[in-house]
Amino acid sequence: IPSVWVNGIVVAIAWIGSAALIYHGVAPLFRLEDH
């Protein structure tokens, strides 16, 4: 989509998704019981 605005919004949403993956992945991958 040749739009700076659309791409900016998609990147912002992608960062939220990456943050969610990090926060949800740390505990099970590293066996951390303490949230």
ModelCIF file with pLDDT and N, C-alpha, C, O atoms, coordinates in Angstrom:
data_MODEL
#
_entry.id   MODEL 
#
_entity.id                         1 
_entity.type                       polymer 
_entity.pdbx_number_of_molecules   1 
#
_entity_poly.entity_id                      1 
_entity_poly.type                           'polypeptide(L)' 
_entity_poly.nstd_linkage                   no 
_entity_poly.nstd_monomer                   no 
_entity_poly.pdbx_seq_one_letter_code       IPSVWVNGIVVAIAWIGSAALIYHGVAPLFRLEDH 
_entity_poly.pdbx_seq_one_letter_code_can   IPSVWVNGIVVAIAWIGSAALIYHGVAPLFRLEDH 
_entity_poly.pdbx_strand_id                 A 
#
loop_
_entity_poly_seq.entity_id 
_entity_poly_seq.num 
_entity_poly_seq.mon_id 
_entity_poly_seq.hetero 
1 1  ILE n 
1 2  PRO n 
1 3  SER n 
1 4  VAL n 
1 5  TRP n 
1 6  VAL n 
1 7  ASN n 
1 8  GLY n 
1 9  ILE n 
1 10 VAL n 
1 11 VAL n 
1 12 ALA n 
1 13 ILE n 
1 14 ALA n 
1 15 TRP n 
1 16 ILE n 
1 17 GLY n 
1 18 SER n 
1 19 ALA n 
1 20 ALA n 
1 21 LEU n 
1 22 ILE n 
1 23 TYR n 
1 24 HIS n 
1 25 GLY n 
1 26 VAL n 
1 27 ALA n 
1 28 PRO n 
1 29 LEU n 
1 30 PHE n 
1 31 ARG n 
1 32 LEU n 
1 33 GLU n 
1 34 ASP n 
1 35 HIS n 
#
_struct_asym.id          A 
_struct_asym.entity_id   1 
#
loop_
_ma_qa_metric.id 
_ma_qa_metric.mode 
_ma_qa_metric.name 
_ma_qa_metric.software_group_id 
_ma_qa_metric.type 
1 global pLDDT . pLDDT 
2 local  pLDDT . pLDDT 
#
_ma_qa_metric_global.metric_id      1 
_ma_qa_metric_global.metric_value   91.23 
_ma_qa_metric_global.model_id       1 
_ma_qa_metric_global.ordinal_id     1 
#
loop_
_ma_qa_metric_local.label_asym_id 
_ma_qa_metric_local.label_comp_id 
_ma_qa_metric_local.label_seq_id 
_ma_qa_metric_local.metric_id 
_ma_qa_metric_local.metric_value 
_ma_qa_metric_local.model_id 
_ma_qa_metric_local.ordinal_id 
A ILE 1  2 90.00 1 1  
A PRO 2  2 87.00 1 2  
A SER 3  2 87.00 1 3  
A VAL 4  2 86.00 1 4  
A TRP 5  2 90.00 1 5  
A VAL 6  2 92.00 1 6  
A ASN 7  2 91.00 1 7  
A GLY 8  2 91.00 1 8  
A ILE 9  2 95.00 1 9  
A VAL 10 2 96.00 1 10 
A VAL 11 2 94.00 1 11 
A ALA 12 2 95.00 1 12 
A ILE 13 2 96.00 1 13 
A ALA 14 2 96.00 1 14 
A TRP 15 2 94.00 1 15 
A ILE 16 2 95.00 1 16 
A GLY 17 2 95.00 1 17 
A SER 18 2 95.00 1 18 
A ALA 19 2 95.00 1 19 
A ALA 20 2 95.00 1 20 
A LEU 21 2 94.00 1 21 
A ILE 22 2 94.00 1 22 
A TYR 23 2 92.00 1 23 
A HIS 24 2 92.00 1 24 
A GLY 25 2 92.00 1 25 
A VAL 26 2 92.00 1 26 
A ALA 27 2 90.00 1 27 
A PRO 28 2 90.00 1 28 
A LEU 29 2 89.00 1 29 
A PHE 30 2 89.00 1 30 
A ARG 31 2 87.00 1 31 
A LEU 32 2 85.00 1 32 
A GLU 33 2 84.00 1 33 
A ASP 34 2 84.00 1 34 
A HIS 35 2 84.00 1 35 
#
loop_
_atom_site.group_PDB 
_atom_site.id 
_atom_site.type_symbol 
_atom_site.label_atom_id 
_atom_site.label_alt_id 
_atom_site.label_comp_id 
_atom_site.label_asym_id 
_atom_site.label_entity_id 
_atom_site.label_seq_id 
_atom_site.pdbx_PDB_ins_code 
_atom_site.Cartn_x 
_atom_site.Cartn_y 
_atom_site.Cartn_z 
_atom_site.occupancy 
_atom_site.B_iso_or_equiv 
_atom_site.pdbx_formal_charge 
_atom_site.auth_seq_id 
_atom_site.auth_comp_id 
_atom_site.auth_asym_id 
_atom_site.auth_atom_id 
_atom_site.pdbx_PDB_model_num 
ATOM 1   N N  . ILE A 1 1  ? 0.871  -1.178  0.000  1.00 90.00 ? 1  ILE A N  1 
ATOM 2   C CA . ILE A 1 1  ? 0.000  0.000   0.000  1.00 90.00 ? 1  ILE A CA 1 
ATOM 3   C C  . ILE A 1 1  ? 0.908  1.228   0.000  1.00 90.00 ? 1  ILE A C  1 
ATOM 4   O O  . ILE A 1 1  ? 1.602  1.461   0.989  1.00 90.00 ? 1  ILE A O  1 
ATOM 5   N N  . PRO A 1 2  ? 0.928  2.010   -1.058 1.00 87.00 ? 2  PRO A N  1 
ATOM 6   C CA . PRO A 1 2  ? 1.856  3.140   -1.160 1.00 87.00 ? 2  PRO A CA 1 
ATOM 7   C C  . PRO A 1 2  ? 1.413  4.353   -0.345 1.00 87.00 ? 2  PRO A C  1 
ATOM 8   O O  . PRO A 1 2  ? 1.069  5.398   -0.896 1.00 87.00 ? 2  PRO A O  1 
ATOM 9   N N  . SER A 1 3  ? 1.431  4.189   0.990  1.00 87.00 ? 3  SER A N  1 
ATOM 10  C CA . SER A 1 3  ? 1.012  5.269   1.874  1.00 87.00 ? 3  SER A CA 1 
ATOM 11  C C  . SER A 1 3  ? 1.887  5.285   3.118  1.00 87.00 ? 3  SER A C  1 
ATOM 12  O O  . SER A 1 3  ? 2.020  4.276   3.810  1.00 87.00 ? 3  SER A O  1 
ATOM 13  N N  . VAL A 1 4  ? 2.483  6.442   3.394  1.00 86.00 ? 4  VAL A N  1 
ATOM 14  C CA . VAL A 1 4  ? 3.316  6.580   4.590  1.00 86.00 ? 4  VAL A CA 1 
ATOM 15  C C  . VAL A 1 4  ? 2.473  6.365   5.836  1.00 86.00 ? 4  VAL A C  1 
ATOM 16  O O  . VAL A 1 4  ? 2.912  5.708   6.779  1.00 86.00 ? 4  VAL A O  1 
ATOM 17  N N  . TRP A 1 5  ? 1.250  6.921   5.845  1.00 90.00 ? 5  TRP A N  1 
ATOM 18  C CA . TRP A 1 5  ? 0.388  6.825   7.027  1.00 90.00 ? 5  TRP A CA 1 
ATOM 19  C C  . TRP A 1 5  ? -0.023 5.389   7.316  1.00 90.00 ? 5  TRP A C  1 
ATOM 20  O O  . TRP A 1 5  ? 0.039  4.946   8.462  1.00 90.00 ? 5  TRP A O  1 
ATOM 21  N N  . VAL A 1 6  ? -0.437 4.670   6.302  1.00 92.00 ? 6  VAL A N  1 
ATOM 22  C CA . VAL A 1 6  ? -0.844 3.278   6.489  1.00 92.00 ? 6  VAL A CA 1 
ATOM 23  C C  . VAL A 1 6  ? 0.332  2.456   7.020  1.00 92.00 ? 6  VAL A C  1 
ATOM 24  O O  . VAL A 1 6  ? 0.174  1.659   7.946  1.00 92.00 ? 6  VAL A O  1 
ATOM 25  N N  . ASN A 1 7  ? 1.492  2.654   6.434  1.00 91.00 ? 7  ASN A N  1 
ATOM 26  C CA . ASN A 1 7  ? 2.663  1.906   6.872  1.00 91.00 ? 7  ASN A CA 1 
ATOM 27  C C  . ASN A 1 7  ? 3.073  2.267   8.291  1.00 91.00 ? 7  ASN A C  1 
ATOM 28  O O  . ASN A 1 7  ? 3.506  1.401   9.051  1.00 91.00 ? 7  ASN A O  1 
ATOM 29  N N  . GLY A 1 8  ? 2.942  3.532   8.653  1.00 91.00 ? 8  GLY A N  1 
ATOM 30  C CA . GLY A 1 8  ? 3.242  3.958   10.028 1.00 91.00 ? 8  GLY A CA 1 
ATOM 31  C C  . GLY A 1 8  ? 2.318  3.302   11.036 1.00 91.00 ? 8  GLY A C  1 
ATOM 32  O O  . GLY A 1 8  ? 2.762  2.846   12.089 1.00 91.00 ? 8  GLY A O  1 
ATOM 33  N N  . ILE A 1 9  ? 1.022  3.253   10.711 1.00 95.00 ? 9  ILE A N  1 
ATOM 34  C CA . ILE A 1 9  ? 0.040  2.616   11.612 1.00 95.00 ? 9  ILE A CA 1 
ATOM 35  C C  . ILE A 1 9  ? 0.319  1.122   11.740 1.00 95.00 ? 9  ILE A C  1 
ATOM 36  O O  . ILE A 1 9  ? 0.258  0.565   12.835 1.00 95.00 ? 9  ILE A O  1 
ATOM 37  N N  . VAL A 1 10 ? 0.626  0.477   10.614 1.00 96.00 ? 10 VAL A N  1 
ATOM 38  C CA . VAL A 1 10 ? 0.914  -0.964  10.638 1.00 96.00 ? 10 VAL A CA 1 
ATOM 39  C C  . VAL A 1 10 ? 2.150  -1.259  11.486 1.00 96.00 ? 10 VAL A C  1 
ATOM 40  O O  . VAL A 1 10 ? 2.168  -2.232  12.239 1.00 96.00 ? 10 VAL A O  1 
ATOM 41  N N  . VAL A 1 11 ? 3.183  -0.423  11.367 1.00 94.00 ? 11 VAL A N  1 
ATOM 42  C CA . VAL A 1 11 ? 4.390  -0.626  12.178 1.00 94.00 ? 11 VAL A CA 1 
ATOM 43  C C  . VAL A 1 11 ? 4.075  -0.451  13.667 1.00 94.00 ? 11 VAL A C  1 
ATOM 44  O O  . VAL A 1 11 ? 4.580  -1.207  14.497 1.00 94.00 ? 11 VAL A O  1 
ATOM 45  N N  . ALA A 1 12 ? 3.248  0.538   14.007 1.00 95.00 ? 12 ALA A N  1 
ATOM 46  C CA . ALA A 1 12 ? 2.869  0.739   15.412 1.00 95.00 ? 12 ALA A CA 1 
ATOM 47  C C  . ALA A 1 12 ? 2.132  -0.483  15.959 1.00 95.00 ? 12 ALA A C  1 
ATOM 48  O O  . ALA A 1 12 ? 2.403  -0.924  17.076 1.00 95.00 ? 12 ALA A O  1 
ATOM 49  N N  . ILE A 1 13 ? 1.207  -1.025  15.180 1.00 96.00 ? 13 ILE A N  1 
ATOM 50  C CA . ILE A 1 13 ? 0.477  -2.234  15.594 1.00 96.00 ? 13 ILE A CA 1 
ATOM 51  C C  . ILE A 1 13 ? 1.433  -3.418  15.712 1.00 96.00 ? 13 ILE A C  1 
ATOM 52  O O  . ILE A 1 13 ? 1.313  -4.240  16.620 1.00 96.00 ? 13 ILE A O  1 
ATOM 53  N N  . ALA A 1 14 ? 2.382  -3.493  14.781 1.00 96.00 ? 14 ALA A N  1 
ATOM 54  C CA . ALA A 1 14 ? 3.363  -4.583  14.820 1.00 96.00 ? 14 ALA A CA 1 
ATOM 55  C C  . ALA A 1 14 ? 4.208  -4.517  16.083 1.00 96.00 ? 14 ALA A C  1 
ATOM 56  O O  . ALA A 1 14 ? 4.547  -5.552  16.658 1.00 96.00 ? 14 ALA A O  1 
ATOM 57  N N  . TRP A 1 15 ? 4.550  -3.311  16.520 1.00 94.00 ? 15 TRP A N  1 
ATOM 58  C CA . TRP A 1 15 ? 5.327  -3.174  17.751 1.00 94.00 ? 15 TRP A CA 1 
ATOM 59  C C  . TRP A 1 15 ? 4.533  -3.646  18.955 1.00 94.00 ? 15 TRP A C  1 
ATOM 60  O O  . TRP A 1 15 ? 5.089  -4.265  19.863 1.00 94.00 ? 15 TRP A O  1 
ATOM 61  N N  . ILE A 1 16 ? 3.243  -3.361  18.969 1.00 95.00 ? 16 ILE A N  1 
ATOM 62  C CA . ILE A 1 16 ? 2.387  -3.847  20.062 1.00 95.00 ? 16 ILE A CA 1 
ATOM 63  C C  . ILE A 1 16 ? 2.378  -5.378  20.042 1.00 95.00 ? 16 ILE A C  1 
ATOM 64  O O  . ILE A 1 16 ? 2.461  -6.018  21.090 1.00 95.00 ? 16 ILE A O  1 
ATOM 65  N N  . GLY A 1 17 ? 2.276  -5.955  18.844 1.00 95.00 ? 17 GLY A N  1 
ATOM 66  C CA . GLY A 1 17 ? 2.293  -7.411  18.713 1.00 95.00 ? 17 GLY A CA 1 
ATOM 67  C C  . GLY A 1 17 ? 3.607  -8.016  19.178 1.00 95.00 ? 17 GLY A C  1 
ATOM 68  O O  . GLY A 1 17 ? 3.611  -9.042  19.859 1.00 95.00 ? 17 GLY A O  1 
ATOM 69  N N  . SER A 1 18 ? 4.729  -7.389  18.815 1.00 95.00 ? 18 SER A N  1 
ATOM 70  C CA . SER A 1 18 ? 6.036  -7.882  19.250 1.00 95.00 ? 18 SER A CA 1 
ATOM 71  C C  . SER A 1 18 ? 6.178  -7.808  20.766 1.00 95.00 ? 18 SER A C  1 
ATOM 72  O O  . SER A 1 18 ? 6.706  -8.725  21.395 1.00 95.00 ? 18 SER A O  1 
ATOM 73  N N  . ALA A 1 19 ? 5.703  -6.713  21.342 1.00 95.00 ? 19 ALA A N  1 
ATOM 74  C CA . ALA A 1 19 ? 5.747  -6.568  22.803 1.00 95.00 ? 19 ALA A CA 1 
ATOM 75  C C  . ALA A 1 19 ? 4.926  -7.668  23.475 1.00 95.00 ? 19 ALA A C  1 
ATOM 76  O O  . ALA A 1 19 ? 5.350  -8.244  24.477 1.00 95.00 ? 19 ALA A O  1 
ATOM 77  N N  . ALA A 1 20 ? 3.749  -7.956  22.917 1.00 95.00 ? 20 ALA A N  1 
ATOM 78  C CA . ALA A 1 20 ? 2.897  -9.012  23.481 1.00 95.00 ? 20 ALA A CA 1 
ATOM 79  C C  . ALA A 1 20 ? 3.601  -10.371 23.411 1.00 95.00 ? 20 ALA A C  1 
ATOM 80  O O  . ALA A 1 20 ? 3.537  -11.154 24.359 1.00 95.00 ? 20 ALA A O  1 
ATOM 81  N N  . LEU A 1 21 ? 4.266  -10.649 22.298 1.00 94.00 ? 21 LEU A N  1 
ATOM 82  C CA . LEU A 1 21 ? 4.994  -11.921 22.166 1.00 94.00 ? 21 LEU A CA 1 
ATOM 83  C C  . LEU A 1 21 ? 6.132  -12.009 23.180 1.00 94.00 ? 21 LEU A C  1 
ATOM 84  O O  . LEU A 1 21 ? 6.366  -13.064 23.769 1.00 94.00 ? 21 LEU A O  1 
ATOM 85  N N  . ILE A 1 22 ? 6.831  -10.904 23.379 1.00 94.00 ? 22 ILE A N  1 
ATOM 86  C CA . ILE A 1 22 ? 7.928  -10.907 24.360 1.00 94.00 ? 22 ILE A CA 1 
ATOM 87  C C  . ILE A 1 22 ? 7.386  -11.166 25.759 1.00 94.00 ? 22 ILE A C  1 
ATOM 88  O O  . ILE A 1 22 ? 7.877  -12.044 26.469 1.00 94.00 ? 22 ILE A O  1 
ATOM 89  N N  . TYR A 1 23 ? 6.367  -10.396 26.154 1.00 92.00 ? 23 TYR A N  1 
ATOM 90  C CA . TYR A 1 23 ? 5.842  -10.523 27.517 1.00 92.00 ? 23 TYR A CA 1 
ATOM 91  C C  . TYR A 1 23 ? 5.223  -11.898 27.774 1.00 92.00 ? 23 TYR A C  1 
ATOM 92  O O  . TYR A 1 23 ? 5.323  -12.427 28.881 1.00 92.00 ? 23 TYR A O  1 
ATOM 93  N N  . HIS A 1 24 ? 4.590  -12.470 26.764 1.00 92.00 ? 24 HIS A N  1 
ATOM 94  C CA . HIS A 1 24 ? 3.973  -13.791 26.958 1.00 92.00 ? 24 HIS A CA 1 
ATOM 95  C C  . HIS A 1 24 ? 4.955  -14.937 26.761 1.00 92.00 ? 24 HIS A C  1 
ATOM 96  O O  . HIS A 1 24 ? 4.689  -16.058 27.195 1.00 92.00 ? 24 HIS A O  1 
ATOM 97  N N  . GLY A 1 25 ? 6.080  -14.675 26.116 1.00 92.00 ? 25 GLY A N  1 
ATOM 98  C CA . GLY A 1 25 ? 7.044  -15.747 25.847 1.00 92.00 ? 25 GLY A CA 1 
ATOM 99  C C  . GLY A 1 25 ? 8.109  -15.934 26.898 1.00 92.00 ? 25 GLY A C  1 
ATOM 100 O O  . GLY A 1 25 ? 8.660  -17.026 27.039 1.00 92.00 ? 25 GLY A O  1 
ATOM 101 N N  . VAL A 1 26 ? 8.412  -14.868 27.647 1.00 92.00 ? 26 VAL A N  1 
ATOM 102 C CA . VAL A 1 26 ? 9.495  -14.937 28.633 1.00 92.00 ? 26 VAL A CA 1 
ATOM 103 C C  . VAL A 1 26 ? 9.238  -16.017 29.681 1.00 92.00 ? 26 VAL A C  1 
ATOM 104 O O  . VAL A 1 26 ? 10.107 -16.848 29.945 1.00 92.00 ? 26 VAL A O  1 
ATOM 105 N N  . ALA A 1 27 ? 8.049  -16.006 30.277 1.00 90.00 ? 27 ALA A N  1 
ATOM 106 C CA . ALA A 1 27 ? 7.768  -16.944 31.377 1.00 90.00 ? 27 ALA A CA 1 
ATOM 107 C C  . ALA A 1 27 ? 7.846  -18.408 30.945 1.00 90.00 ? 27 ALA A C  1 
ATOM 108 O O  . ALA A 1 27 ? 8.545  -19.183 31.597 1.00 90.00 ? 27 ALA A O  1 
ATOM 109 N N  . PRO A 1 28 ? 7.160  -18.824 29.874 1.00 90.00 ? 28 PRO A N  1 
ATOM 110 C CA . PRO A 1 28 ? 7.234  -20.241 29.518 1.00 90.00 ? 28 PRO A CA 1 
ATOM 111 C C  . PRO A 1 28 ? 8.600  -20.676 28.969 1.00 90.00 ? 28 PRO A C  1 
ATOM 112 O O  . PRO A 1 28 ? 9.072  -21.768 29.287 1.00 90.00 ? 28 PRO A O  1 
ATOM 113 N N  . LEU A 1 29 ? 9.232  -19.837 28.154 1.00 89.00 ? 29 LEU A N  1 
ATOM 114 C CA . LEU A 1 29 ? 10.510 -20.235 27.563 1.00 89.00 ? 29 LEU A CA 1 
ATOM 115 C C  . LEU A 1 29 ? 11.627 -20.325 28.596 1.00 89.00 ? 29 LEU A C  1 
ATOM 116 O O  . LEU A 1 29 ? 12.502 -21.187 28.506 1.00 89.00 ? 29 LEU A O  1 
ATOM 117 N N  . PHE A 1 30 ? 11.590 -19.423 29.580 1.00 89.00 ? 30 PHE A N  1 
ATOM 118 C CA . PHE A 1 30 ? 12.661 -19.387 30.570 1.00 89.00 ? 30 PHE A CA 1 
ATOM 119 C C  . PHE A 1 30 ? 12.236 -19.976 31.910 1.00 89.00 ? 30 PHE A C  1 
ATOM 120 O O  . PHE A 1 30 ? 12.960 -19.888 32.902 1.00 89.00 ? 30 PHE A O  1 
ATOM 121 N N  . ARG A 1 31 ? 11.027 -20.588 31.920 1.00 87.00 ? 31 ARG A N  1 
ATOM 122 C CA . ARG A 1 31 ? 10.505 -21.282 33.097 1.00 87.00 ? 31 ARG A CA 1 
ATOM 123 C C  . ARG A 1 31 ? 10.480 -20.384 34.331 1.00 87.00 ? 31 ARG A C  1 
ATOM 124 O O  . ARG A 1 31 ? 10.929 -20.774 35.409 1.00 87.00 ? 31 ARG A O  1 
ATOM 125 N N  . LEU A 1 32 ? 9.952  -19.182 34.157 1.00 85.00 ? 32 LEU A N  1 
ATOM 126 C CA . LEU A 1 32 ? 9.829  -18.238 35.264 1.00 85.00 ? 32 LEU A CA 1 
ATOM 127 C C  . LEU A 1 32 ? 8.430  -18.343 35.863 1.00 85.00 ? 32 LEU A C  1 
ATOM 128 O O  . LEU A 1 32 ? 7.439  -18.063 35.189 1.00 85.00 ? 32 LEU A O  1 
ATOM 129 N N  . GLU A 1 33 ? 8.353  -18.739 37.111 1.00 84.00 ? 33 GLU A N  1 
ATOM 130 C CA . GLU A 1 33 ? 7.057  -18.844 37.791 1.00 84.00 ? 33 GLU A CA 1 
ATOM 131 C C  . GLU A 1 33 ? 6.577  -17.479 38.277 1.00 84.00 ? 33 GLU A C  1 
ATOM 132 O O  . GLU A 1 33 ? 5.376  -17.214 38.323 1.00 84.00 ? 33 GLU A O  1 
ATOM 133 N N  . ASP A 1 34 ? 7.517  -16.623 38.635 1.00 84.00 ? 34 ASP A N  1 
ATOM 134 C CA . ASP A 1 34 ? 7.194  -15.297 39.166 1.00 84.00 ? 34 ASP A CA 1 
ATOM 135 C C  . ASP A 1 34 ? 6.898  -14.354 37.995 1.00 84.00 ? 34 ASP A C  1 
ATOM 136 O O  . ASP A 1 34 ? 7.793  -14.012 37.222 1.00 84.00 ? 34 ASP A O  1 
ATOM 137 N N  . HIS A 1 35 ? 5.632  -13.938 37.874 1.00 84.00 ? 35 HIS A N  1 
ATOM 138 C CA . HIS A 1 35 ? 5.240  -13.093 36.736 1.00 84.00 ? 35 HIS A CA 1 
ATOM 139 C C  . HIS A 1 35 ? 5.834  -11.687 36.822 1.00 84.00 ? 35 HIS A C  1 
ATOM 140 O O  . HIS A 1 35 ? 5.597  -10.861 35.941 1.00 84.00 ? 35 HIS A O  1 
#
